[in-house]
Amino acid sequence: MDETDLLLMAFQEAPVGIVLTEDRTIRACNATFARLFGHPESALIGQSFRLLYETEREFEEIRDIGLAPLRDSGTYSDERLIRRIDGTRLWVRFRARTLTPETPLARLVMSFAPLPRPAAATVALTPRERDVVSGLAHGRTSKEIARHLGLSPRTIEDVRARLLRKFEVRNVTELLTRLTGPGISG
């Protein structure tokens, strides 16, 4: 086996999903990435990243979250829920590095690593609960989440309180800790 074959094998079998995009179109991905999302590798190449989001709005909002850091430092990282082809959700550590800082989305390398969580029962989240969890995971306050979603802060507080009861936790830190990992469906 020559060095090129070894590099290709390392890329394909890396313990994290790796994808290269150009203007939000998938140009290359490894087998781990395809397995994470539940798609055949061949079905992903040439597809818009939109394929991996439920709504156009979600697709656009997620893109905008990391643009400023990508322009400033060339990298961005967060934790997020991803949607698999079967509709289930998976909590992952997302990392991105732009190869073109002046236009961050022109060529981007991203990785997706599943986050483990204790063996808890699978819990379904409503779309509104997913929106609130996403905002909390990005460190936003209830007022910021409300403004972002076009809702009242009281509505966000109600959803937040419902999530704390649903997961039997005392605060947002415990909630996010409980939610990190597979087993969340939407």
Protein backbone atom coordinates (compact mmCIF):
# COMPACT_ATOMS: atom_id res chain seq x y z
CA MET A 1 0.00 0.00 0.00
CA ASP A 2 1.54 3.35 -0.99
CA GLU A 3 1.34 6.63 0.92
CA THR A 4 -1.59 7.93 -1.14
CA ASP A 5 -3.60 4.80 -0.34
CA LEU A 6 -2.79 5.17 3.35
CA LEU A 7 -3.90 8.82 3.35
CA LEU A 8 -7.13 7.92 1.60
CA MET A 9 -7.79 5.12 4.07
CA ALA A 10 -7.12 7.48 7.00
CA PHE A 11 -9.53 10.04 5.54
CA GLN A 12 -12.27 7.49 4.85
CA GLU A 13 -12.09 5.80 8.25
CA ALA A 14 -11.38 8.82 10.46
CA PRO A 15 -13.37 8.64 13.71
CA VAL A 16 -15.13 11.91 12.76
CA GLY A 17 -17.17 12.84 9.73
CA ILE A 18 -15.15 15.04 7.36
CA VAL A 19 -16.56 16.99 4.43
CA LEU A 20 -15.18 19.50 1.93
CA THR A 21 -17.68 21.97 0.49
CA GLU A 22 -17.48 24.64 -2.18
CA ASP A 23 -20.18 27.30 -1.94
CA ARG A 24 -22.20 24.95 0.29
CA THR A 25 -22.05 22.08 -2.20
CA ILE A 26 -20.49 18.81 -1.02
CA ARG A 27 -17.37 18.06 -3.09
CA ALA A 28 -15.85 15.29 -0.96
CA CYS A 29 -16.78 13.47 2.22
CA ASN A 30 -15.59 10.46 4.12
CA ALA A 31 -17.52 7.31 4.94
CA THR A 32 -17.94 8.40 8.57
CA PHE A 33 -19.69 11.61 7.48
CA ALA A 34 -22.05 9.66 5.23
CA ARG A 35 -22.84 7.19 8.05
CA LEU A 36 -23.52 10.01 10.54
CA PHE A 37 -26.17 11.47 8.27
CA GLY A 38 -27.41 8.07 7.09
CA HIS A 39 -26.87 8.76 3.39
CA PRO A 40 -24.82 6.72 0.93
CA GLU A 41 -21.56 8.56 0.25
CA SER A 42 -22.24 8.63 -3.50
CA ALA A 43 -25.62 10.33 -2.91
CA LEU A 44 -23.94 13.25 -1.11
CA ILE A 45 -21.28 14.30 -3.63
CA GLY A 46 -22.49 17.26 -5.67
CA GLN A 47 -25.47 17.92 -3.37
CA SER A 48 -26.23 21.20 -1.64
CA PHE A 49 -25.74 21.13 2.13
CA ARG A 50 -29.45 22.09 2.21
CA LEU A 51 -30.13 18.34 1.93
CA LEU A 52 -29.08 18.00 5.57
CA TYR A 53 -31.51 20.58 7.01
CA GLU A 54 -35.25 20.36 7.59
CA THR A 55 -36.11 23.85 6.40
CA GLU A 56 -34.66 26.57 4.21
CA ARG A 57 -34.75 28.91 7.22
CA GLU A 58 -32.66 26.53 9.33
CA PHE A 59 -30.21 26.12 6.44
CA GLU A 60 -29.76 29.90 6.13
CA GLU A 61 -29.56 30.59 9.88
CA ILE A 62 -26.95 27.91 10.55
CA ARG A 63 -24.80 29.31 7.74
CA ASP A 64 -24.88 32.79 9.22
CA ILE A 65 -23.86 31.73 12.74
CA GLY A 66 -20.21 31.06 11.90
CA LEU A 67 -19.52 33.58 9.13
CA ALA A 68 -17.93 36.30 11.26
CA PRO A 69 -15.56 33.93 13.13
CA LEU A 70 -14.60 32.24 9.84
CA ARG A 71 -13.72 35.62 8.32
CA ASP A 72 -11.82 36.72 11.44
CA SER A 73 -9.89 33.60 12.42
CA GLY A 74 -10.55 31.08 9.67
CA THR A 75 -12.17 28.64 12.11
CA TYR A 76 -15.50 28.11 13.83
CA SER A 77 -16.78 25.50 16.28
CA ASP A 78 -20.01 24.73 18.10
CA GLU A 79 -22.29 21.92 19.23
CA ARG A 80 -25.44 21.32 17.25
CA LEU A 81 -28.22 18.91 16.48
CA ILE A 82 -27.99 17.40 13.02
CA ARG A 83 -30.79 15.68 11.15
CA ARG A 84 -30.23 12.19 9.82
CA ILE A 85 -32.00 10.88 6.71
CA ASP A 86 -34.45 8.95 8.91
CA GLY A 87 -35.45 12.16 10.72
CA THR A 88 -33.68 11.36 13.99
CA ARG A 89 -31.37 13.92 15.54
CA LEU A 90 -27.79 13.55 16.64
CA TRP A 91 -25.90 16.01 18.87
CA VAL A 92 -22.44 16.66 17.43
CA ARG A 93 -19.34 18.77 17.90
CA PHE A 94 -19.04 20.77 14.67
CA ARG A 95 -15.76 22.35 13.53
CA ALA A 96 -15.02 24.29 10.37
CA ARG A 97 -11.93 25.75 8.74
CA THR A 98 -12.22 27.96 5.70
CA LEU A 99 -9.58 27.72 3.01
CA THR A 100 -10.75 31.09 1.64
CA PRO A 101 -11.13 33.57 4.56
CA GLU A 102 -12.15 36.44 2.29
CA THR A 103 -15.18 34.39 1.18
CA PRO A 104 -15.52 31.78 3.96
CA LEU A 105 -18.05 29.53 2.26
CA ALA A 106 -16.18 29.30 -1.06
CA ARG A 107 -14.14 26.34 0.20
CA LEU A 108 -14.69 24.92 3.66
CA VAL A 109 -13.49 21.79 5.49
CA MET A 110 -15.81 20.63 8.26
CA SER A 111 -15.86 17.85 10.81
CA PHE A 112 -18.76 16.35 12.74
CA ALA A 113 -18.09 14.25 15.85
CA PRO A 114 -20.94 12.64 17.80
CA LEU A 115 -21.05 13.65 21.44
CA PRO A 116 -21.69 10.84 23.91
CA ARG A 117 -24.30 11.03 26.58
CA PRO A 118 -25.36 8.76 29.40
CA ALA A 119 -27.77 5.97 28.46
CA ALA A 120 -30.95 8.02 28.84
CA ALA A 121 -34.28 7.35 27.23
CA THR A 122 -34.76 8.72 23.76
CA VAL A 123 -36.73 11.94 23.98
CA ALA A 124 -38.50 13.70 21.16
CA LEU A 125 -38.11 17.47 20.91
CA THR A 126 -40.69 19.67 19.27
CA PRO A 127 -39.44 22.08 16.58
CA ARG A 128 -39.83 24.99 19.05
CA GLU A 129 -37.87 23.08 21.72
CA ARG A 130 -35.10 22.41 19.17
CA ASP A 131 -34.95 26.14 18.34
CA VAL A 132 -34.64 27.04 22.03
CA VAL A 133 -32.06 24.32 22.75
CA SER A 134 -30.02 25.52 19.77
CA GLY A 135 -30.10 29.08 21.07
CA LEU A 136 -29.13 27.98 24.56
CA ALA A 137 -26.30 25.86 23.16
CA HIS A 138 -24.99 28.98 21.42
CA GLY A 139 -25.00 30.87 24.74
CA ARG A 140 -27.96 33.12 23.90
CA THR A 141 -30.23 34.55 26.57
CA SER A 142 -34.00 34.08 26.43
CA LYS A 143 -34.35 37.66 25.15
CA GLU A 144 -31.80 37.01 22.38
CA ILE A 145 -33.49 33.74 21.40
CA ALA A 146 -36.88 35.49 21.38
CA ARG A 147 -35.58 38.28 19.15
CA HIS A 148 -33.92 35.74 16.82
CA LEU A 149 -37.13 33.68 16.51
CA GLY A 150 -39.55 36.62 16.47
CA LEU A 151 -41.24 35.50 19.69
CA SER A 152 -41.77 37.01 23.11
CA PRO A 153 -39.19 36.40 25.86
CA ARG A 154 -42.04 34.95 27.95
CA THR A 155 -42.67 32.27 25.29
CA ILE A 156 -39.00 31.32 25.37
CA GLU A 157 -39.05 31.19 29.18
CA ASP A 158 -42.09 28.88 29.04
CA VAL A 159 -40.35 26.52 26.59
CA ARG A 160 -37.18 26.64 28.68
CA ALA A 161 -39.12 25.74 31.86
CA ARG A 162 -40.89 22.91 30.01
CA LEU A 163 -37.51 21.53 28.87
CA LEU A 164 -36.15 21.62 32.44
CA ARG A 165 -39.20 19.66 33.67
CA LYS A 166 -39.13 17.26 30.71
CA PHE A 167 -35.49 16.31 31.33
CA GLU A 168 -35.74 16.57 35.14
CA VAL A 169 -32.83 18.99 35.45
CA ARG A 170 -32.35 22.13 37.54
CA ASN A 171 -30.69 24.52 35.10
CA VAL A 172 -29.63 25.10 31.49
CA THR A 173 -26.13 23.72 32.08
CA GLU A 174 -27.58 20.40 33.24
CA LEU A 175 -30.06 20.45 30.35
CA LEU A 176 -27.35 20.91 27.73
CA THR A 177 -25.19 18.27 29.41
CA ARG A 178 -28.12 15.86 29.35
CA LEU A 179 -28.81 16.55 25.68
CA THR A 180 -25.27 16.14 24.41
CA GLY A 181 -25.19 13.00 22.36
CA PRO A 182 -27.36 10.66 20.33
CA GLY A 183 -30.89 9.81 21.26
CA ILE A 184 -32.62 13.06 20.48
CA SER A 185 -35.28 12.84 17.86
CA GLY A 186 -37.41 15.46 16.33
